[in-house]
Amino acid sequence: MNAAKLIVSRAHSVRDLTENVPSPCVSVCTMNAATEYCDGCLRTVEEIAAWSVLPDSAKKQIWSLLEQRAASLHSPISSQATGGQCHP
């Protein structure tokens, strides 16, 4: 399963949580210069740095953003714009 599919799958599982929202980290901590997202979890550096002090409501908002990023980074339009290569 690629990173985007994993993020989408995990995002669905956290939707109903009200506390103890888990980190999206999958231990693939490499920042993509083109997207400015982590290749593993699709978070920005700012989101990663703030995660441990964010309330669960903000963490859920980030999960929602991650799901949107995964979809947009792997859509046919995104793929065409990058010459057929999607960024994980």
Protein backbone atom coordinates (compact mmCIF):
# COMPACT_ATOMS: atom_id res chain seq x y z
CA MET A 1 0.00 0.00 0.00
CA ASN A 2 1.47 3.38 -0.96
CA ALA A 3 1.67 6.32 1.46
CA ALA A 4 -1.38 8.12 0.07
CA LYS A 5 -3.63 5.06 0.33
CA LEU A 6 -2.39 4.39 3.84
CA ILE A 7 -3.10 7.99 4.89
CA VAL A 8 -6.63 7.84 3.45
CA SER A 9 -7.32 4.53 5.17
CA ARG A 10 -6.03 5.78 8.51
CA ALA A 11 -7.87 9.11 8.13
CA HIS A 12 -11.15 7.23 7.90
CA SER A 13 -10.37 5.43 11.15
CA VAL A 14 -9.76 8.64 13.15
CA ARG A 15 -12.89 10.50 12.03
CA ASP A 16 -14.99 9.34 14.98
CA LEU A 17 -12.32 9.80 17.63
CA THR A 18 -12.81 12.59 20.15
CA GLU A 19 -9.61 12.03 22.11
CA ASN A 20 -6.21 10.41 21.76
CA VAL A 21 -6.02 11.17 18.03
CA PRO A 22 -2.98 9.24 16.77
CA SER A 23 -0.08 10.71 14.86
CA PRO A 24 -0.07 10.05 11.12
CA CYS A 25 3.67 9.33 11.26
CA VAL A 26 4.69 6.09 9.53
CA SER A 27 8.44 6.50 10.20
CA VAL A 28 9.22 7.57 6.64
CA CYS A 29 10.48 10.99 7.65
CA THR A 30 11.67 12.58 4.42
CA MET A 31 10.54 16.02 3.34
CA ASN A 32 9.67 16.34 -0.33
CA ALA A 33 11.11 19.59 -1.71
CA ALA A 34 8.50 19.81 -4.48
CA THR A 35 5.44 19.44 -2.26
CA GLU A 36 6.91 20.57 1.08
CA TYR A 37 5.18 17.58 2.68
CA CYS A 38 6.69 14.59 4.43
CA ASP A 39 6.79 11.66 1.99
CA GLY A 40 5.46 9.33 4.68
CA CYS A 41 2.65 11.26 6.37
CA LEU A 42 2.06 14.24 4.04
CA ARG A 43 2.36 16.77 6.89
CA THR A 44 4.25 20.03 6.67
CA VAL A 45 7.23 20.71 8.92
CA GLU A 46 5.05 23.08 10.94
CA GLU A 47 2.35 20.44 11.43
CA ILE A 48 4.92 17.87 12.50
CA ALA A 49 6.57 20.25 14.97
CA ALA A 50 3.27 21.31 16.54
CA TRP A 51 1.63 17.88 16.70
CA SER A 52 2.51 17.01 20.30
CA VAL A 53 0.91 20.18 21.72
CA LEU A 54 -2.17 20.39 19.49
CA PRO A 55 -5.62 19.65 20.87
CA ASP A 56 -7.36 16.61 19.42
CA SER A 57 -9.72 18.83 17.41
CA ALA A 58 -6.76 20.39 15.57
CA LYS A 59 -5.20 16.96 15.01
CA LYS A 60 -8.45 15.80 13.39
CA GLN A 61 -8.38 18.86 11.14
CA ILE A 62 -4.87 17.94 10.04
CA TRP A 63 -6.01 14.37 9.32
CA SER A 64 -8.72 15.83 7.10
CA LEU A 65 -6.11 17.93 5.27
CA LEU A 66 -3.92 14.86 4.84
CA GLU A 67 -6.77 12.99 3.20
CA GLN A 68 -7.28 15.90 0.79
CA ARG A 69 -3.55 16.12 0.05
CA ALA A 70 -3.34 12.41 -0.65
CA ALA A 71 -6.22 12.68 -3.11
CA SER A 72 -4.84 15.75 -4.87
CA LEU A 73 -1.26 14.46 -5.09
CA HIS A 74 -2.41 11.24 -6.71
CA SER A 75 -5.16 12.52 -8.97
CA PRO A 76 -4.85 12.24 -12.78
CA ILE A 77 -4.65 16.06 -13.02
CA SER A 78 -1.79 16.16 -10.51
CA SER A 79 -0.05 13.34 -12.34
CA GLN A 80 -0.33 15.18 -15.68
CA ALA A 81 1.00 18.38 -14.14
CA THR A 82 4.10 16.58 -12.86
CA GLY A 83 4.86 14.75 -16.08
CA GLY A 84 3.18 11.54 -15.02
CA GLN A 85 5.01 11.22 -11.73
CA CYS A 86 3.05 11.50 -8.52
CA HIS A 87 4.80 12.43 -5.34
CA PRO A 88 4.15 10.05 -2.45
